[in-house]
Amino acid sequence: MATGMNPGVYAIKEKVIDDLEKQFHEKINNFTSDAKAKMLSFSREAAIQVEEKASSYQKKVENDLEQLNKAKESHTHQILGLRKLQRLLCDKTKPQVSVLSQKSQ
């Protein structure tokens, strides 16, 4: 206690300081809790947005892959068709070639 200070005034001063300190700690705790809640909320929102974008991209990639597979199958069928046609043409020309080669001998 400071010299010459009234004990009643000193007690009131100490109580006011204690009350202000408690209020300060409460406000700091509230601010910290609010900041944590907001950060979690922002993190959740960001995670949701990232998940939505990733899901959208995955669907797009899956669609693209499906189209590529269809095109590949179509291309494979075209190649097989061309090979079959080529064999048919070769088969038709072989007897003629063999007949011609027999006549020339």
PDB file of N, CA and C in Angstrom:
ATOM      1  N   MET A   1       0.845  -1.170   0.000  1.00  0.00           N
ATOM      2  CA  MET A   1       0.000   0.000   0.000  1.00  0.00           C
ATOM      3  C   MET A   1       0.890   1.232   0.000  1.00  0.00           C
ATOM      4  N   ALA A   2       0.502   2.187  -0.832  1.00  0.00           N
ATOM      5  CA  ALA A   2       1.265   3.433  -0.927  1.00  0.00           C
ATOM      6  C   ALA A   2       1.073   4.229   0.360  1.00  0.00           C
ATOM      7  N   THR A   3       2.122   4.935   0.744  1.00  0.00           N
ATOM      8  CA  THR A   3       2.057   5.717   1.975  1.00  0.00           C
ATOM      9  C   THR A   3       1.099   6.869   1.831  1.00  0.00           C
ATOM     10  N   GLY A   4       0.321   7.076   2.833  1.00  0.00           N
ATOM     11  CA  GLY A   4      -0.617   8.181   2.846  1.00  0.00           C
ATOM     12  C   GLY A   4      -1.900   7.895   2.107  1.00  0.00           C
ATOM     13  N   MET A   5      -2.107   6.659   1.565  1.00  0.00           N
ATOM     14  CA  MET A   5      -3.328   6.358   0.827  1.00  0.00           C
ATOM     15  C   MET A   5      -4.345   5.777   1.793  1.00  0.00           C
ATOM     16  N   ASN A   6      -5.562   6.189   1.623  1.00  0.00           N
ATOM     17  CA  ASN A   6      -6.660   5.700   2.441  1.00  0.00           C
ATOM     18  C   ASN A   6      -6.842   4.214   2.147  1.00  0.00           C
ATOM     19  N   PRO A   7      -6.933   3.355   3.169  1.00  0.00           N
ATOM     20  CA  PRO A   7      -7.082   1.921   2.951  1.00  0.00           C
ATOM     21  C   PRO A   7      -8.342   1.571   2.164  1.00  0.00           C
ATOM     22  N   GLY A   8      -9.436   2.298   2.322  1.00  0.00           N
ATOM     23  CA  GLY A   8     -10.670   2.043   1.573  1.00  0.00           C
ATOM     24  C   GLY A   8     -10.482   2.343   0.091  1.00  0.00           C
ATOM     25  N   VAL A   9      -9.799   3.457  -0.207  1.00  0.00           N
ATOM     26  CA  VAL A   9      -9.541   3.840  -1.593  1.00  0.00           C
ATOM     27  C   VAL A   9      -8.596   2.824  -2.235  1.00  0.00           C
ATOM     28  N   TYR A  10      -7.595   2.388  -1.459  1.00  0.00           N
ATOM     29  CA  TYR A  10      -6.652   1.404  -1.969  1.00  0.00           C
ATOM     30  C   TYR A  10      -7.367   0.090  -2.298  1.00  0.00           C
ATOM     31  N   ALA A  11      -8.278  -0.348  -1.458  1.00  0.00           N
ATOM     32  CA  ALA A  11      -9.017  -1.596  -1.678  1.00  0.00           C
ATOM     33  C   ALA A  11      -9.887  -1.489  -2.931  1.00  0.00           C
ATOM     34  N   ILE A  12     -10.538  -0.325  -3.091  1.00  0.00           N
ATOM     35  CA  ILE A  12     -11.376  -0.113  -4.280  1.00  0.00           C
ATOM     36  C   ILE A  12     -10.503  -0.125  -5.539  1.00  0.00           C
ATOM     37  N   LYS A  13      -9.334   0.523  -5.453  1.00  0.00           N
ATOM     38  CA  LYS A  13      -8.412   0.564  -6.590  1.00  0.00           C
ATOM     39  C   LYS A  13      -7.980  -0.859  -6.975  1.00  0.00           C
ATOM     40  N   GLU A  14      -7.624  -1.684  -5.986  1.00  0.00           N
ATOM     41  CA  GLU A  14      -7.221  -3.070  -6.243  1.00  0.00           C
ATOM     42  C   GLU A  14      -8.368  -3.871  -6.855  1.00  0.00           C
ATOM     43  N   LYS A  15      -9.596  -3.660  -6.351  1.00  0.00           N
ATOM     44  CA  LYS A  15     -10.753  -4.376  -6.892  1.00  0.00           C
ATOM     45  C   LYS A  15     -11.001  -3.978  -8.345  1.00  0.00           C
ATOM     46  N   VAL A  16     -10.917  -2.685  -8.651  1.00  0.00           N
ATOM     47  CA  VAL A  16     -11.121  -2.207 -10.024  1.00  0.00           C
ATOM     48  C   VAL A  16     -10.056  -2.809 -10.948  1.00  0.00           C
ATOM     49  N   ILE A  17      -8.809  -2.835 -10.477  1.00  0.00           N
ATOM     50  CA  ILE A  17      -7.730  -3.405 -11.289  1.00  0.00           C
ATOM     51  C   ILE A  17      -7.976  -4.898 -11.519  1.00  0.00           C
ATOM     52  N   ASP A  18      -8.384  -5.620 -10.471  1.00  0.00           N
ATOM     53  CA  ASP A  18      -8.689  -7.053 -10.620  1.00  0.00           C
ATOM     54  C   ASP A  18      -9.841  -7.275 -11.601  1.00  0.00           C
ATOM     55  N   ASP A  19     -10.894  -6.449 -11.480  1.00  0.00           N
ATOM     56  CA  ASP A  19     -12.039  -6.569 -12.396  1.00  0.00           C
ATOM     57  C   ASP A  19     -11.625  -6.294 -13.846  1.00  0.00           C
ATOM     58  N   LEU A  20     -10.816  -5.263 -14.044  1.00  0.00           N
ATOM     59  CA  LEU A  20     -10.343  -4.942 -15.395  1.00  0.00           C
ATOM     60  C   LEU A  20      -9.488  -6.075 -15.959  1.00  0.00           C
ATOM     61  N   GLU A  21      -8.662  -6.668 -15.098  1.00  0.00           N
ATOM     62  CA  GLU A  21      -7.823  -7.780 -15.536  1.00  0.00           C
ATOM     63  C   GLU A  21      -8.691  -8.983 -15.931  1.00  0.00           C
ATOM     64  N   LYS A  22      -9.731  -9.278 -15.139  1.00  0.00           N
ATOM     65  CA  LYS A  22     -10.645 -10.381 -15.473  1.00  0.00           C
ATOM     66  C   LYS A  22     -11.360 -10.107 -16.798  1.00  0.00           C
ATOM     67  N   GLN A  23     -11.830  -8.871 -16.973  1.00  0.00           N
ATOM     68  CA  GLN A  23     -12.510  -8.505 -18.227  1.00  0.00           C
ATOM     69  C   GLN A  23     -11.559  -8.649 -19.421  1.00  0.00           C
ATOM     70  N   PHE A  24     -10.317  -8.218 -19.212  1.00  0.00           N
ATOM     71  CA  PHE A  24      -9.325  -8.326 -20.281  1.00  0.00           C
ATOM     72  C   PHE A  24      -9.118  -9.794 -20.676  1.00  0.00           C
ATOM     73  N   HIS A  25      -8.946 -10.655 -19.674  1.00  0.00           N
ATOM     74  CA  HIS A  25      -8.744 -12.085 -19.954  1.00  0.00           C
ATOM     75  C   HIS A  25      -9.977 -12.696 -20.618  1.00  0.00           C
ATOM     76  N   GLU A  26     -11.170 -12.305 -20.191  1.00  0.00           N
ATOM     77  CA  GLU A  26     -12.400 -12.805 -20.820  1.00  0.00           C
ATOM     78  C   GLU A  26     -12.474 -12.372 -22.285  1.00  0.00           C
ATOM     79  N   LYS A  27     -12.144 -11.102 -22.537  1.00  0.00           N
ATOM     80  CA  LYS A  27     -12.182 -10.606 -23.914  1.00  0.00           C
ATOM     81  C   LYS A  27     -11.138 -11.311 -24.778  1.00  0.00           C
ATOM     82  N   ILE A  28      -9.956 -11.529 -24.221  1.00  0.00           N
ATOM     83  CA  ILE A  28      -8.917 -12.255 -24.961  1.00  0.00           C
ATOM     84  C   ILE A  28      -9.391 -13.674 -25.255  1.00  0.00           C
ATOM     85  N   ASN A  29      -9.979 -14.342 -24.266  1.00  0.00           N
ATOM     86  CA  ASN A  29     -10.473 -15.711 -24.470  1.00  0.00           C
ATOM     87  C   ASN A  29     -11.595 -15.736 -25.503  1.00  0.00           C
ATOM     88  N   ASN A  30     -12.517 -14.770 -25.417  1.00  0.00           N
ATOM     89  CA  ASN A  30     -13.606 -14.698 -26.403  1.00  0.00           C
ATOM     90  C   ASN A  30     -13.060 -14.452 -27.808  1.00  0.00           C
ATOM     91  N   PHE A  31     -12.109 -13.527 -27.906  1.00  0.00           N
ATOM     92  CA  PHE A  31     -11.509 -13.225 -29.202  1.00  0.00           C
ATOM     93  C   PHE A  31     -10.816 -14.468 -29.766  1.00  0.00           C
ATOM     94  N   THR A  32     -10.062 -15.149 -28.910  1.00  0.00           N
ATOM     95  CA  THR A  32      -9.355 -16.357 -29.342  1.00  0.00           C
ATOM     96  C   THR A  32     -10.343 -17.427 -29.792  1.00  0.00           C
ATOM     97  N   SER A  33     -11.406 -17.618 -29.024  1.00  0.00           N
ATOM     98  CA  SER A  33     -12.421 -18.616 -29.393  1.00  0.00           C
ATOM     99  C   SER A  33     -13.095 -18.245 -30.701  1.00  0.00           C
ATOM    100  N   ASP A  34     -13.450 -16.966 -30.842  1.00  0.00           N
ATOM    101  CA  ASP A  34     -14.077 -16.513 -32.092  1.00  0.00           C
ATOM    102  C   ASP A  34     -13.124 -16.685 -33.277  1.00  0.00           C
ATOM    103  N   ALA A  35     -11.865 -16.330 -33.075  1.00  0.00           N
ATOM    104  CA  ALA A  35     -10.880 -16.460 -34.153  1.00  0.00           C
ATOM    105  C   ALA A  35     -10.721 -17.924 -34.554  1.00  0.00           C
ATOM    106  N   LYS A  36     -10.655 -18.813 -33.563  1.00  0.00           N
ATOM    107  CA  LYS A  36     -10.536 -20.243 -33.870  1.00  0.00           C
ATOM    108  C   LYS A  36     -11.765 -20.738 -34.623  1.00  0.00           C
ATOM    109  N   ALA A  37     -12.945 -20.314 -34.166  1.00  0.00           N
ATOM    110  CA  ALA A  37     -14.185 -20.748 -34.831  1.00  0.00           C
ATOM    111  C   ALA A  37     -14.220 -20.252 -36.274  1.00  0.00           C
ATOM    112  N   LYS A  38     -13.832 -18.988 -36.483  1.00  0.00           N
ATOM    113  CA  LYS A  38     -13.827 -18.443 -37.842  1.00  0.00           C
ATOM    114  C   LYS A  38     -12.799 -19.159 -38.719  1.00  0.00           C
ATOM    115  N   MET A  39     -11.634 -19.435 -38.155  1.00  0.00           N
ATOM    116  CA  MET A  39     -10.609 -20.145 -38.924  1.00  0.00           C
ATOM    117  C   MET A  39     -11.100 -21.540 -39.310  1.00  0.00           C
ATOM    118  N   LEU A  40     -11.754 -22.228 -38.369  1.00  0.00           N
ATOM    119  CA  LEU A  40     -12.295 -23.554 -38.683  1.00  0.00           C
ATOM    120  C   LEU A  40     -13.375 -23.453 -39.751  1.00  0.00           C
ATOM    121  N   SER A  41     -14.214 -22.424 -39.625  1.00  0.00           N
ATOM    122  CA  SER A  41     -15.278 -22.229 -40.611  1.00  0.00           C
ATOM    123  C   SER A  41     -14.684 -21.968 -41.995  1.00  0.00           C
ATOM    124  N   PHE A  42     -13.679 -21.087 -42.050  1.00  0.00           N
ATOM    125  CA  PHE A  42     -13.024 -20.801 -43.328  1.00  0.00           C
ATOM    126  C   PHE A  42     -12.333 -22.051 -43.870  1.00  0.00           C
ATOM    127  N   SER A  43     -11.716 -22.817 -42.973  1.00  0.00           N
ATOM    128  CA  SER A  43     -11.051 -24.052 -43.401  1.00  0.00           C
ATOM    129  C   SER A  43     -12.061 -25.028 -43.974  1.00  0.00           C
ATOM    130  N   ARG A  44     -13.205 -25.154 -43.310  1.00  0.00           N
ATOM    131  CA  ARG A  44     -14.247 -26.057 -43.810  1.00  0.00           C
ATOM    132  C   ARG A  44     -14.746 -25.589 -45.173  1.00  0.00           C
ATOM    133  N   GLU A  45     -15.014 -24.287 -45.286  1.00  0.00           N
ATOM    134  CA  GLU A  45     -15.490 -23.741 -46.564  1.00  0.00           C
ATOM    135  C   GLU A  45     -14.461 -23.972 -47.670  1.00  0.00           C
ATOM    136  N   ALA A  46     -13.205 -23.716 -47.343  1.00  0.00           N
ATOM    137  CA  ALA A  46     -12.145 -23.926 -48.337  1.00  0.00           C
ATOM    138  C   ALA A  46     -12.052 -25.406 -48.705  1.00  0.00           C
ATOM    139  N   ALA A  47     -12.148 -26.271 -47.704  1.00  0.00           N
ATOM    140  CA  ALA A  47     -12.084 -27.711 -47.977  1.00  0.00           C
ATOM    141  C   ALA A  47     -13.260 -28.149 -48.843  1.00  0.00           C
ATOM    142  N   ILE A  48     -14.437 -27.606 -48.569  1.00  0.00           N
ATOM    143  CA  ILE A  48     -15.626 -27.950 -49.363  1.00  0.00           C
ATOM    144  C   ILE A  48     -15.439 -27.481 -50.802  1.00  0.00           C
ATOM    145  N   GLN A  49     -14.934 -26.255 -50.974  1.00  0.00           N
ATOM    146  CA  GLN A  49     -14.715 -25.735 -52.325  1.00  0.00           C
ATOM    147  C   GLN A  49     -13.682 -26.571 -53.078  1.00  0.00           C
ATOM    148  N   VAL A  50     -12.611 -26.935 -52.397  1.00  0.00           N
ATOM    149  CA  VAL A  50     -11.579 -27.755 -53.036  1.00  0.00           C
ATOM    150  C   VAL A  50     -12.159 -29.113 -53.414  1.00  0.00           C
ATOM    151  N   GLU A  51     -12.955 -29.701 -52.504  1.00  0.00           N
ATOM    152  CA  GLU A  51     -13.559 -31.007 -52.782  1.00  0.00           C
ATOM    153  C   GLU A  51     -14.518 -30.923 -53.959  1.00  0.00           C
ATOM    154  N   GLU A  52     -15.301 -29.839 -54.022  1.00  0.00           N
ATOM    155  CA  GLU A  52     -16.234 -29.662 -55.141  1.00  0.00           C
ATOM    156  C   GLU A  52     -15.476 -29.518 -56.462  1.00  0.00           C
ATOM    157  N   LYS A  53     -14.415 -28.722 -56.452  1.00  0.00           N
ATOM    158  CA  LYS A  53     -13.627 -28.537 -57.676  1.00  0.00           C
ATOM    159  C   LYS A  53     -12.944 -29.840 -58.084  1.00  0.00           C
ATOM    160  N   ALA A  54     -12.412 -30.560 -57.107  1.00  0.00           N
ATOM    161  CA  ALA A  54     -11.758 -31.837 -57.415  1.00  0.00           C
ATOM    162  C   ALA A  54     -12.762 -32.836 -57.969  1.00  0.00           C
ATOM    163  N   SER A  55     -13.950 -32.859 -57.382  1.00  0.00           N
ATOM    164  CA  SER A  55     -14.993 -33.771 -57.860  1.00  0.00           C
ATOM    165  C   SER A  55     -15.409 -33.411 -59.282  1.00  0.00           C
ATOM    166  N   SER A  56     -15.570 -32.120 -59.537  1.00  0.00           N
ATOM    167  CA  SER A  56     -15.934 -31.659 -60.880  1.00  0.00           C
ATOM    168  C   SER A  56     -14.845 -32.036 -61.886  1.00  0.00           C
ATOM    169  N   TYR A  57     -13.594 -31.821 -61.514  1.00  0.00           N
ATOM    170  CA  TYR A  57     -12.475 -32.161 -62.396  1.00  0.00           C
ATOM    171  C   TYR A  57     -12.431 -33.669 -62.640  1.00  0.00           C
ATOM    172  N   GLN A  58     -12.666 -34.443 -61.572  1.00  0.00           N
ATOM    173  CA  GLN A  58     -12.650 -35.900 -61.709  1.00  0.00           C
ATOM    174  C   GLN A  58     -13.736 -36.361 -62.674  1.00  0.00           C
ATOM    175  N   LYS A  59     -14.929 -35.775 -62.563  1.00  0.00           N
ATOM    176  CA  LYS A  59     -16.018 -36.140 -63.475  1.00  0.00           C
ATOM    177  C   LYS A  59     -15.647 -35.799 -64.912  1.00  0.00           C
ATOM    178  N   LYS A  60     -15.036 -34.625 -65.102  1.00  0.00           N
ATOM    179  CA  LYS A  60     -14.631 -34.212 -66.446  1.00  0.00           C
ATOM    180  C   LYS A  60     -13.593 -35.178 -67.007  1.00  0.00           C
ATOM    181  N   VAL A  61     -12.616 -35.533 -66.187  1.00  0.00           N
ATOM    182  CA  VAL A  61     -11.574 -36.460 -66.630  1.00  0.00           C
ATOM    183  C   VAL A  61     -12.181 -37.824 -66.948  1.00  0.00           C
ATOM    184  N   GLU A  62     -13.108 -38.280 -66.098  1.00  0.00           N
ATOM    185  CA  GLU A  62     -13.752 -39.573 -66.355  1.00  0.00           C
ATOM    186  C   GLU A  62     -14.531 -39.537 -67.671  1.00  0.00           C
ATOM    187  N   ASN A  63     -15.240 -38.434 -67.918  1.00  0.00           N
ATOM    188  CA  ASN A  63     -15.966 -38.296 -69.191  1.00  0.00           C
ATOM    189  C   ASN A  63     -14.998 -38.299 -70.374  1.00  0.00           C
ATOM    190  N   ASP A  64     -13.894 -37.564 -70.229  1.00  0.00           N
ATOM    191  CA  ASP A  64     -12.897 -37.528 -71.306  1.00  0.00           C
ATOM    192  C   ASP A  64     -12.313 -38.918 -71.554  1.00  0.00           C
ATOM    193  N   LEU A  65     -12.012 -39.637 -70.466  1.00  0.00           N
ATOM    194  CA  LEU A  65     -11.467 -40.987 -70.619  1.00  0.00           C
ATOM    195  C   LEU A  65     -12.480 -41.920 -71.271  1.00  0.00           C
ATOM    196  N   GLU A  66     -13.739 -41.761 -70.894  1.00  0.00           N
ATOM    197  CA  GLU A  66     -14.789 -42.585 -71.498  1.00  0.00           C
ATOM    198  C   GLU A  66     -14.878 -42.319 -73.001  1.00  0.00           C
ATOM    199  N   GLN A  67     -14.822 -41.044 -73.377  1.00  0.00           N
ATOM    200  CA  GLN A  67     -14.868 -40.704 -74.799  1.00  0.00           C
ATOM    201  C   GLN A  67     -13.636 -41.240 -75.533  1.00  0.00           C
ATOM    202  N   LEU A  68     -12.479 -41.150 -74.883  1.00  0.00           N
ATOM    203  CA  LEU A  68     -11.266 -41.699 -75.500  1.00  0.00           C
ATOM    204  C   LEU A  68     -11.383 -43.208 -75.689  1.00  0.00           C
ATOM    205  N   ASN A  69     -11.935 -43.889 -74.684  1.00  0.00           N
ATOM    206  CA  ASN A  69     -12.109 -45.341 -74.809  1.00  0.00           C
ATOM    207  C   ASN A  69     -13.073 -45.682 -75.929  1.00  0.00           C
ATOM    208  N   LYS A  70     -14.157 -44.899 -76.041  1.00  0.00           N
ATOM    209  CA  LYS A  70     -15.109 -45.138 -77.133  1.00  0.00           C
ATOM    210  C   LYS A  70     -14.429 -44.911 -78.482  1.00  0.00           C
ATOM    211  N   ALA A  71     -13.654 -43.838 -78.561  1.00  0.00           N
ATOM    212  CA  ALA A  71     -12.950 -43.545 -79.815  1.00  0.00           C
ATOM    213  C   ALA A  71     -11.932 -44.639 -80.112  1.00  0.00           C
ATOM    214  N   LYS A  72     -11.266 -45.117 -79.072  1.00  0.00           N
ATOM    215  CA  LYS A  72     -10.274 -46.181 -79.259  1.00  0.00           C
ATOM    216  C   LYS A  72     -10.964 -47.447 -79.759  1.00  0.00           C
ATOM    217  N   GLU A  73     -12.113 -47.784 -79.137  1.00  0.00           N
ATOM    218  CA  GLU A  73     -12.864 -48.964 -79.579  1.00  0.00           C
ATOM    219  C   GLU A  73     -13.317 -48.793 -81.024  1.00  0.00           C
ATOM    220  N   SER A  74     -13.822 -47.613 -81.335  1.00  0.00           N
ATOM    221  CA  SER A  74     -14.274 -47.339 -82.701  1.00  0.00           C
ATOM    222  C   SER A  74     -13.104 -47.455 -83.672  1.00  0.00           C
ATOM    223  N   HIS A  75     -11.982 -46.879 -83.278  1.00  0.00           N
ATOM    224  CA  HIS A  75     -10.787 -46.927 -84.122  1.00  0.00           C
ATOM    225  C   HIS A  75     -10.329 -48.375 -84.298  1.00  0.00           C
ATOM    226  N   THR A  76     -10.376 -49.138 -83.205  1.00  0.00           N
ATOM    227  CA  THR A  76      -9.986 -50.550 -83.285  1.00  0.00           C
ATOM    228  C   THR A  76     -10.909 -51.296 -84.233  1.00  0.00           C
ATOM    229  N   HIS A  77     -12.216 -51.026 -84.133  1.00  0.00           N
ATOM    230  CA  HIS A  77     -13.167 -51.668 -85.042  1.00  0.00           C
ATOM    231  C   HIS A  77     -12.896 -51.262 -86.490  1.00  0.00           C
ATOM    232  N   GLN A  78     -12.557 -50.005 -86.686  1.00  0.00           N
ATOM    233  CA  GLN A  78     -12.244 -49.546 -88.042  1.00  0.00           C
ATOM    234  C   GLN A  78     -11.012 -50.263 -88.577  1.00  0.00           C
ATOM    235  N   ILE A  79      -9.993 -50.385 -87.739  1.00  0.00           N
ATOM    236  CA  ILE A  79      -8.767 -51.068 -88.169  1.00  0.00           C
ATOM    237  C   ILE A  79      -9.068 -52.529 -88.483  1.00  0.00           C
ATOM    238  N   LEU A  80      -9.847 -53.173 -87.590  1.00  0.00           N
ATOM    239  CA  LEU A  80     -10.195 -54.575 -87.846  1.00  0.00           C
ATOM    240  C   LEU A  80     -11.000 -54.705 -89.133  1.00  0.00           C
ATOM    241  N   GLY A  81     -11.911 -53.760 -89.355  1.00  0.00           N
ATOM    242  CA  GLY A  81     -12.695 -53.772 -90.587  1.00  0.00           C
ATOM    243  C   GLY A  81     -11.819 -53.595 -91.808  1.00  0.00           C
ATOM    244  N   LEU A  82     -10.849 -52.696 -91.714  1.00  0.00           N
ATOM    245  CA  LEU A  82      -9.931 -52.476 -92.836  1.00  0.00           C
ATOM    246  C   LEU A  82      -9.065 -53.708 -93.083  1.00  0.00           C
ATOM    247  N   ARG A  83      -8.629 -54.343 -92.016  1.00  0.00           N
ATOM    248  CA  ARG A  83      -7.817 -55.555 -92.181  1.00  0.00           C
ATOM    249  C   ARG A  83      -8.643 -56.672 -92.825  1.00  0.00           C
ATOM    250  N   LYS A  84      -9.890 -56.769 -92.374  1.00  0.00           N
ATOM    251  CA  LYS A  84     -10.772 -57.787 -92.963  1.00  0.00           C
ATOM    252  C   LYS A  84     -10.987 -57.492 -94.446  1.00  0.00           C
ATOM    253  N   LEU A  85     -11.241 -56.225 -94.757  1.00  0.00           N
ATOM    254  CA  LEU A  85     -11.417 -55.828 -96.151  1.00  0.00           C
ATOM    255  C   LEU A  85     -10.147 -56.107 -96.953  1.00  0.00           C
ATOM    256  N   GLN A  86      -9.004 -55.814 -96.355  1.00  0.00           N
ATOM    257  CA  GLN A  86      -7.727 -56.056 -97.025  1.00  0.00           C
ATOM    258  C   GLN A  86      -7.553 -57.552 -97.297  1.00  0.00           C
ATOM    259  N   ARG A  87      -7.886 -58.389 -96.311  1.00  0.00           N
ATOM    260  CA  ARG A  87      -7.787 -59.839 -96.516  1.00  0.00           C
ATOM    261  C   ARG A  87      -8.722 -60.308 -97.624  1.00  0.00           C
ATOM    262  N   LEU A  88      -9.946 -59.748 -97.615  1.00  0.00           N
ATOM    263  CA  LEU A  88     -10.894 -60.127 -98.668  1.00  0.00           C
ATOM    264  C   LEU A  88     -10.367 -59.735-100.041  1.00  0.00           C
ATOM    265  N   LEU A  89      -9.825 -58.535-100.133  1.00  0.00           N
ATOM    266  CA  LEU A  89      -9.268 -58.087-101.413  1.00  0.00           C
ATOM    267  C   LEU A  89      -8.077 -58.941-101.824  1.00  0.00           C
ATOM    268  N   CYS A  90      -7.239 -59.273-100.867  1.00  0.00           N
ATOM    269  CA  CYS A  90      -6.081 -60.115-101.179  1.00  0.00           C
ATOM    270  C   CYS A  90      -6.540 -61.501-101.603  1.00  0.00           C
ATOM    271  N   ASP A  91      -7.545 -62.019-100.916  1.00  0.00           N
ATOM    272  CA  ASP A  91      -8.051 -63.348-101.276  1.00  0.00           C
ATOM    273  C   ASP A  91      -8.640 -63.341-102.683  1.00  0.00           C
ATOM    274  N   LYS A  92      -9.304 -62.265-103.056  1.00  0.00           N
ATOM    275  CA  LYS A  92      -9.899 -62.185-104.392  1.00  0.00           C
ATOM    276  C   LYS A  92      -8.827 -62.047-105.464  1.00  0.00           C
ATOM    277  N   THR A  93      -7.750 -61.375-105.145  1.00  0.00           N
ATOM    278  CA  THR A  93      -6.704 -61.173-106.150  1.00  0.00           C
ATOM    279  C   THR A  93      -5.766 -62.357-106.243  1.00  0.00           C
ATOM    280  N   LYS A  94      -5.636 -63.143-105.210  1.00  0.00           N
ATOM    281  CA  LYS A  94      -4.724 -64.294-105.247  1.00  0.00           C
ATOM    282  C   LYS A  94      -5.113 -65.301-106.324  1.00  0.00           C
ATOM    283  N   PRO A  95      -6.365 -65.724-106.407  1.00  0.00           N
ATOM    284  CA  PRO A  95      -6.672 -66.694-107.463  1.00  0.00           C
ATOM    285  C   PRO A  95      -6.403 -66.133-108.852  1.00  0.00           C
ATOM    286  N   GLN A  96      -6.677 -64.871-109.043  1.00  0.00           N
ATOM    287  CA  GLN A  96      -6.435 -64.286-110.355  1.00  0.00           C
ATOM    288  C   GLN A  96      -4.951 -64.278-110.657  1.00  0.00           C
ATOM    289  N   VAL A  97      -4.161 -63.958-109.676  1.00  0.00           N
ATOM    290  CA  VAL A  97      -2.715 -63.937-109.879  1.00  0.00           C
ATOM    291  C   VAL A  97      -2.228 -65.345-110.161  1.00  0.00           C
ATOM    292  N   SER A  98      -2.740 -66.288-109.428  1.00  0.00           N
ATOM    293  CA  SER A  98      -2.289 -67.667-109.655  1.00  0.00           C
ATOM    294  C   SER A  98      -2.744 -68.166-111.017  1.00  0.00           C
ATOM    295  N   VAL A  99      -3.931 -67.782-111.453  1.00  0.00           N
ATOM    296  CA  VAL A  99      -4.401 -68.172-112.781  1.00  0.00           C
ATOM    297  C   VAL A  99      -3.526 -67.528-113.838  1.00  0.00           C
ATOM    298  N   LEU A 100      -3.218 -66.268-113.670  1.00  0.00           N
ATOM    299  CA  LEU A 100      -2.359 -65.572-114.628  1.00  0.00           C
ATOM    300  C   LEU A 100      -0.965 -66.181-114.649  1.00  0.00           C
ATOM    301  N   SER A 101      -0.472 -66.515-113.487  1.00  0.00           N
ATOM    302  CA  SER A 101       0.873 -67.086-113.454  1.00  0.00           C
ATOM    303  C   SER A 101       0.890 -68.466-114.088  1.00  0.00           C
ATOM    304  N   GLN A 102      -0.200 -69.221-113.986  1.00  0.00           N
ATOM    305  CA  GLN A 102      -0.265 -70.538-114.621  1.00  0.00           C
ATOM    306  C   GLN A 102      -0.347 -70.391-116.139  1.00  0.00           C
ATOM    307  N   LYS A 103      -1.073 -69.399-116.639  1.00  0.00           N
ATOM    308  CA  LYS A 103      -1.212 -69.184-118.089  1.00  0.00           C
ATOM    309  C   LYS A 103       0.113 -68.776-118.712  1.00  0.00           C
ATOM    310  N   SER A 104       0.874 -67.989-117.988  1.00  0.00           N
ATOM    311  CA  SER A 104       2.126 -67.511-118.558  1.00  0.00           C
ATOM    312  C   SER A 104       3.172 -68.602-118.607  1.00  0.00           C
ATOM    313  N   GLN A 105       3.018 -69.646-117.869  1.00  0.00           N
ATOM    314  CA  GLN A 105       4.021 -70.711-117.861  1.00  0.00           C
ATOM    315  C   GLN A 105       3.821 -71.618-118.964  1.00  0.00           C
TER     316      GLN A 105
END
